[in-house]
Amino acid sequence: MPKMKTHRATAKRIKVTGSGKLMRRRAGRGHYRLAKGKHRFRRLERDSGLAKGDEKVAKRMLGL
């Protein structure tokens, strides 16, 4: 049986922490920065955990 390949697009978007959690970037930081307000924009800086439903699929794509 051949080796399983990592889905490269998923690997670029999702990082695995030391404890094994999957972290992703938050949406909404691309453009229209001035319309959003500084508090909202600062809040969007932080990484967010992946939803439980998406975690199973993402782990399989990453080969975990």
PDB file of N, CA and C in Angstrom:
ATOM      1  N   MET A   1       0.845  -1.190   0.000  1.00  0.00           N
ATOM      2  CA  MET A   1       0.000   0.000   0.000  1.00  0.00           C
ATOM      3  C   MET A   1       0.886   1.248   0.000  1.00  0.00           C
ATOM      4  N   PRO A   2       0.603   2.221  -0.869  1.00  0.00           N
ATOM      5  CA  PRO A   2       1.450   3.417  -0.929  1.00  0.00           C
ATOM      6  C   PRO A   2       1.274   4.298   0.305  1.00  0.00           C
ATOM      7  N   LYS A   3       2.265   5.151   0.508  1.00  0.00           N
ATOM      8  CA  LYS A   3       2.195   6.095   1.629  1.00  0.00           C
ATOM      9  C   LYS A   3       1.065   7.085   1.399  1.00  0.00           C
ATOM     10  N   MET A   4       0.497   7.575   2.508  1.00  0.00           N
ATOM     11  CA  MET A   4      -0.557   8.569   2.399  1.00  0.00           C
ATOM     12  C   MET A   4       0.076   9.950   2.260  1.00  0.00           C
ATOM     13  N   LYS A   5      -0.381  10.725   1.304  1.00  0.00           N
ATOM     14  CA  LYS A   5       0.173  12.062   1.091  1.00  0.00           C
ATOM     15  C   LYS A   5      -0.559  13.090   1.941  1.00  0.00           C
ATOM     16  N   THR A   6       0.183  14.066   2.417  1.00  0.00           N
ATOM     17  CA  THR A   6      -0.387  15.176   3.173  1.00  0.00           C
ATOM     18  C   THR A   6      -1.070  16.121   2.203  1.00  0.00           C
ATOM     19  N   HIS A   7      -2.272  16.579   2.552  1.00  0.00           N
ATOM     20  CA  HIS A   7      -2.980  17.571   1.744  1.00  0.00           C
ATOM     21  C   HIS A   7      -2.320  18.915   2.002  1.00  0.00           C
ATOM     22  N   ARG A   8      -1.567  19.407   1.019  1.00  0.00           N
ATOM     23  CA  ARG A   8      -0.696  20.561   1.229  1.00  0.00           C
ATOM     24  C   ARG A   8      -1.462  21.848   1.555  1.00  0.00           C
ATOM     25  N   ALA A   9      -2.621  22.044   0.946  1.00  0.00           N
ATOM     26  CA  ALA A   9      -3.403  23.256   1.223  1.00  0.00           C
ATOM     27  C   ALA A   9      -3.854  23.278   2.680  1.00  0.00           C
ATOM     28  N   THR A  10      -4.216  22.123   3.212  1.00  0.00           N
ATOM     29  CA  THR A  10      -4.626  22.026   4.618  1.00  0.00           C
ATOM     30  C   THR A  10      -3.431  22.245   5.527  1.00  0.00           C
ATOM     31  N   ALA A  11      -2.295  21.706   5.169  1.00  0.00           N
ATOM     32  CA  ALA A  11      -1.094  21.841   5.996  1.00  0.00           C
ATOM     33  C   ALA A  11      -0.650  23.294   6.113  1.00  0.00           C
ATOM     34  N   LYS A  12      -0.906  24.095   5.075  1.00  0.00           N
ATOM     35  CA  LYS A  12      -0.527  25.502   5.111  1.00  0.00           C
ATOM     36  C   LYS A  12      -1.470  26.327   5.974  1.00  0.00           C
ATOM     37  N   ARG A  13      -2.711  25.875   6.126  1.00  0.00           N
ATOM     38  CA  ARG A  13      -3.719  26.647   6.842  1.00  0.00           C
ATOM     39  C   ARG A  13      -3.889  26.231   8.299  1.00  0.00           C
ATOM     40  N   ILE A  14      -3.546  25.001   8.634  1.00  0.00           N
ATOM     41  CA  ILE A  14      -3.790  24.472   9.980  1.00  0.00           C
ATOM     42  C   ILE A  14      -2.471  24.044  10.603  1.00  0.00           C
ATOM     43  N   LYS A  15      -2.221  24.518  11.826  1.00  0.00           N
ATOM     44  CA  LYS A  15      -1.012  24.149  12.551  1.00  0.00           C
ATOM     45  C   LYS A  15      -1.388  23.264  13.740  1.00  0.00           C
ATOM     46  N   VAL A  16      -0.520  22.327  14.066  1.00  0.00           N
ATOM     47  CA  VAL A  16      -0.746  21.427  15.198  1.00  0.00           C
ATOM     48  C   VAL A  16       0.101  21.917  16.364  1.00  0.00           C
ATOM     49  N   THR A  17      -0.535  22.095  17.535  1.00  0.00           N
ATOM     50  CA  THR A  17       0.186  22.556  18.719  1.00  0.00           C
ATOM     51  C   THR A  17       0.919  21.384  19.363  1.00  0.00           C
ATOM     52  N   GLY A  18       1.699  21.683  20.371  1.00  0.00           N
ATOM     53  CA  GLY A  18       2.433  20.640  21.080  1.00  0.00           C
ATOM     54  C   GLY A  18       1.522  19.636  21.764  1.00  0.00           C
ATOM     55  N   SER A  19       0.357  20.101  22.217  1.00  0.00           N
ATOM     56  CA  SER A  19      -0.584  19.205  22.891  1.00  0.00           C
ATOM     57  C   SER A  19      -1.476  18.460  21.901  1.00  0.00           C
ATOM     58  N   GLY A  20      -1.335  18.789  20.600  1.00  0.00           N
ATOM     59  CA  GLY A  20      -2.091  18.057  19.584  1.00  0.00           C
ATOM     60  C   GLY A  20      -3.339  18.764  19.096  1.00  0.00           C
ATOM     61  N   LYS A  21      -3.593  19.992  19.584  1.00  0.00           N
ATOM     62  CA  LYS A  21      -4.759  20.735  19.114  1.00  0.00           C
ATOM     63  C   LYS A  21      -4.484  21.294  17.727  1.00  0.00           C
ATOM     64  N   LEU A  22      -5.542  21.446  16.940  1.00  0.00           N
ATOM     65  CA  LEU A  22      -5.418  22.022  15.607  1.00  0.00           C
ATOM     66  C   LEU A  22      -5.852  23.480  15.667  1.00  0.00           C
ATOM     67  N   MET A  23      -4.984  24.379  15.196  1.00  0.00           N
ATOM     68  CA  MET A  23      -5.254  25.805  15.256  1.00  0.00           C
ATOM     69  C   MET A  23      -5.320  26.373  13.841  1.00  0.00           C
ATOM     70  N   ARG A  24      -6.193  27.370  13.665  1.00  0.00           N
ATOM     71  CA  ARG A  24      -6.378  28.001  12.361  1.00  0.00           C
ATOM     72  C   ARG A  24      -6.379  29.512  12.531  1.00  0.00           C
ATOM     73  N   ARG A  25      -6.164  30.224  11.415  1.00  0.00           N
ATOM     74  CA  ARG A  25      -6.254  31.686  11.423  1.00  0.00           C
ATOM     75  C   ARG A  25      -7.716  32.081  11.356  1.00  0.00           C
ATOM     76  N   ARG A  26      -8.041  33.248  11.903  1.00  0.00           N
ATOM     77  CA  ARG A  26      -9.416  33.744  11.840  1.00  0.00           C
ATOM     78  C   ARG A  26      -9.649  34.476  10.521  1.00  0.00           C
ATOM     79  N   ALA A  27     -10.870  34.394  10.044  1.00  0.00           N
ATOM     80  CA  ALA A  27     -11.236  35.065   8.797  1.00  0.00           C
ATOM     81  C   ALA A  27     -11.487  36.550   9.052  1.00  0.00           C
ATOM     82  N   GLY A  28     -11.430  37.347   8.012  1.00  0.00           N
ATOM     83  CA  GLY A  28     -11.814  38.744   8.107  1.00  0.00           C
ATOM     84  C   GLY A  28     -10.666  39.713   8.299  1.00  0.00           C
ATOM     85  N   ARG A  29      -9.432  39.296   8.014  1.00  0.00           N
ATOM     86  CA  ARG A  29      -8.290  40.198   8.190  1.00  0.00           C
ATOM     87  C   ARG A  29      -7.702  40.641   6.853  1.00  0.00           C
ATOM     88  N   GLY A  30      -8.351  40.310   5.758  1.00  0.00           N
ATOM     89  CA  GLY A  30      -7.782  40.578   4.449  1.00  0.00           C
ATOM     90  C   GLY A  30      -7.790  42.036   4.041  1.00  0.00           C
ATOM     91  N   HIS A  31      -8.954  42.651   4.032  1.00  0.00           N
ATOM     92  CA  HIS A  31      -9.055  44.041   3.584  1.00  0.00           C
ATOM     93  C   HIS A  31     -10.216  44.697   4.306  1.00  0.00           C
ATOM     94  N   TYR A  32     -10.506  45.963   3.999  1.00  0.00           N
ATOM     95  CA  TYR A  32     -11.489  46.791   4.717  1.00  0.00           C
ATOM     96  C   TYR A  32     -11.116  46.907   6.186  1.00  0.00           C
ATOM     97  N   ARG A  33      -9.859  47.164   6.451  1.00  0.00           N
ATOM     98  CA  ARG A  33      -9.380  47.212   7.837  1.00  0.00           C
ATOM     99  C   ARG A  33      -9.995  48.363   8.622  1.00  0.00           C
ATOM    100  N   LEU A  34     -10.129  49.521   7.980  1.00  0.00           N
ATOM    101  CA  LEU A  34     -10.611  50.702   8.698  1.00  0.00           C
ATOM    102  C   LEU A  34     -12.082  50.578   9.089  1.00  0.00           C
ATOM    103  N   ALA A  35     -12.834  49.812   8.348  1.00  0.00           N
ATOM    104  CA  ALA A  35     -14.264  49.675   8.620  1.00  0.00           C
ATOM    105  C   ALA A  35     -14.543  48.783   9.824  1.00  0.00           C
ATOM    106  N   LYS A  36     -13.540  48.031  10.289  1.00  0.00           N
ATOM    107  CA  LYS A  36     -13.793  47.026  11.311  1.00  0.00           C
ATOM    108  C   LYS A  36     -13.572  47.512  12.734  1.00  0.00           C
ATOM    109  N   GLY A  37     -12.748  48.478  12.934  1.00  0.00           N
ATOM    110  CA  GLY A  37     -12.494  48.923  14.304  1.00  0.00           C
ATOM    111  C   GLY A  37     -11.315  48.187  14.905  1.00  0.00           C
ATOM    112  N   LYS A  38     -10.569  48.871  15.774  1.00  0.00           N
ATOM    113  CA  LYS A  38      -9.310  48.294  16.249  1.00  0.00           C
ATOM    114  C   LYS A  38      -9.523  47.129  17.205  1.00  0.00           C
ATOM    115  N   HIS A  39     -10.582  47.170  18.028  1.00  0.00           N
ATOM    116  CA  HIS A  39     -10.791  46.079  18.989  1.00  0.00           C
ATOM    117  C   HIS A  39     -11.143  44.780  18.255  1.00  0.00           C
ATOM    118  N   ARG A  40     -12.011  44.901  17.272  1.00  0.00           N
ATOM    119  CA  ARG A  40     -12.378  43.731  16.474  1.00  0.00           C
ATOM    120  C   ARG A  40     -11.166  43.199  15.719  1.00  0.00           C
ATOM    121  N   PHE A  41     -10.362  44.108  15.186  1.00  0.00           N
ATOM    122  CA  PHE A  41      -9.213  43.686  14.397  1.00  0.00           C
ATOM    123  C   PHE A  41      -8.159  43.012  15.269  1.00  0.00           C
ATOM    124  N   ARG A  42      -7.975  43.516  16.492  1.00  0.00           N
ATOM    125  CA  ARG A  42      -7.031  42.891  17.417  1.00  0.00           C
ATOM    126  C   ARG A  42      -7.512  41.499  17.826  1.00  0.00           C
ATOM    127  N   ARG A  43      -8.805  41.372  18.002  1.00  0.00           N
ATOM    128  CA  ARG A  43      -9.372  40.078  18.380  1.00  0.00           C
ATOM    129  C   ARG A  43      -9.169  39.041  17.271  1.00  0.00           C
ATOM    130  N   LEU A  44      -9.194  39.495  16.017  1.00  0.00           N
ATOM    131  CA  LEU A  44      -9.020  38.586  14.886  1.00  0.00           C
ATOM    132  C   LEU A  44      -7.572  38.129  14.714  1.00  0.00           C
ATOM    133  N   GLU A  45      -6.620  38.773  15.431  1.00  0.00           N
ATOM    134  CA  GLU A  45      -5.210  38.384  15.322  1.00  0.00           C
ATOM    135  C   GLU A  45      -4.963  36.987  15.876  1.00  0.00           C
ATOM    136  N   ARG A  46      -5.656  36.674  16.966  1.00  0.00           N
ATOM    137  CA  ARG A  46      -5.385  35.415  17.671  1.00  0.00           C
ATOM    138  C   ARG A  46      -5.833  34.213  16.860  1.00  0.00           C
ATOM    139  N   ASP A  47      -5.091  33.128  16.980  1.00  0.00           N
ATOM    140  CA  ASP A  47      -5.486  31.886  16.334  1.00  0.00           C
ATOM    141  C   ASP A  47      -6.667  31.284  17.071  1.00  0.00           C
ATOM    142  N   SER A  48      -7.446  30.515  16.348  1.00  0.00           N
ATOM    143  CA  SER A  48      -8.637  29.900  16.918  1.00  0.00           C
ATOM    144  C   SER A  48      -8.515  28.387  16.760  1.00  0.00           C
ATOM    145  N   GLY A  49      -9.154  27.661  17.664  1.00  0.00           N
ATOM    146  CA  GLY A  49      -9.180  26.206  17.554  1.00  0.00           C
ATOM    147  C   GLY A  49     -10.128  25.781  16.450  1.00  0.00           C
ATOM    148  N   LEU A  50      -9.901  24.610  15.922  1.00  0.00           N
ATOM    149  CA  LEU A  50     -10.759  24.083  14.867  1.00  0.00           C
ATOM    150  C   LEU A  50     -12.021  23.493  15.494  1.00  0.00           C
ATOM    151  N   ALA A  51     -13.153  23.583  14.801  1.00  0.00           N
ATOM    152  CA  ALA A  51     -14.402  23.009  15.291  1.00  0.00           C
ATOM    153  C   ALA A  51     -14.274  21.485  15.348  1.00  0.00           C
ATOM    154  N   LYS A  52     -14.989  20.869  16.292  1.00  0.00           N
ATOM    155  CA  LYS A  52     -14.887  19.417  16.491  1.00  0.00           C
ATOM    156  C   LYS A  52     -15.253  18.648  15.222  1.00  0.00           C
ATOM    157  N   GLY A  53     -16.269  19.123  14.502  1.00  0.00           N
ATOM    158  CA  GLY A  53     -16.692  18.434  13.283  1.00  0.00           C
ATOM    159  C   GLY A  53     -15.645  18.478  12.189  1.00  0.00           C
ATOM    160  N   ASP A  54     -14.876  19.561  12.144  1.00  0.00           N
ATOM    161  CA  ASP A  54     -13.843  19.702  11.111  1.00  0.00           C
ATOM    162  C   ASP A  54     -12.544  19.004  11.502  1.00  0.00           C
ATOM    163  N   GLU A  55     -12.382  18.765  12.796  1.00  0.00           N
ATOM    164  CA  GLU A  55     -11.116  18.226  13.288  1.00  0.00           C
ATOM    165  C   GLU A  55     -10.825  16.831  12.734  1.00  0.00           C
ATOM    166  N   LYS A  56     -11.840  15.992  12.677  1.00  0.00           N
ATOM    167  CA  LYS A  56     -11.659  14.618  12.203  1.00  0.00           C
ATOM    168  C   LYS A  56     -11.204  14.596  10.742  1.00  0.00           C
ATOM    169  N   VAL A  57     -11.843  15.431   9.922  1.00  0.00           N
ATOM    170  CA  VAL A  57     -11.492  15.492   8.491  1.00  0.00           C
ATOM    171  C   VAL A  57     -10.091  16.062   8.314  1.00  0.00           C
ATOM    172  N   ALA A  58      -9.786  17.139   9.069  1.00  0.00           N
ATOM    173  CA  ALA A  58      -8.478  17.788   8.936  1.00  0.00           C
ATOM    174  C   ALA A  58      -7.348  16.854   9.366  1.00  0.00           C
ATOM    175  N   LYS A  59      -7.564  16.087  10.425  1.00  0.00           N
ATOM    176  CA  LYS A  59      -6.531  15.151  10.882  1.00  0.00           C
ATOM    177  C   LYS A  59      -6.215  14.114   9.823  1.00  0.00           C
ATOM    178  N   ARG A  60      -7.261  13.647   9.128  1.00  0.00           N
ATOM    179  CA  ARG A  60      -7.044  12.667   8.075  1.00  0.00           C
ATOM    180  C   ARG A  60      -6.289  13.290   6.902  1.00  0.00           C
ATOM    181  N   MET A  61      -6.605  14.559   6.587  1.00  0.00           N
ATOM    182  CA  MET A  61      -5.907  15.241   5.495  1.00  0.00           C
ATOM    183  C   MET A  61      -4.446  15.495   5.819  1.00  0.00           C
ATOM    184  N   LEU A  62      -4.161  15.736   7.116  1.00  0.00           N
ATOM    185  CA  LEU A  62      -2.793  16.004   7.534  1.00  0.00           C
ATOM    186  C   LEU A  62      -2.003  14.720   7.789  1.00  0.00           C
ATOM    187  N   GLY A  63      -2.681  13.601   7.806  1.00  0.00           N
ATOM    188  CA  GLY A  63      -2.002  12.333   8.035  1.00  0.00           C
ATOM    189  C   GLY A  63      -1.709  12.066   9.487  1.00  0.00           C
ATOM    190  N   LEU A  64      -2.535  12.595  10.394  1.00  0.00           N
ATOM    191  CA  LEU A  64      -2.322  12.390  11.846  1.00  0.00           C
ATOM    192  C   LEU A  64      -3.120  11.194  12.351  1.00  0.00           C
TER     193      LEU A  64
END
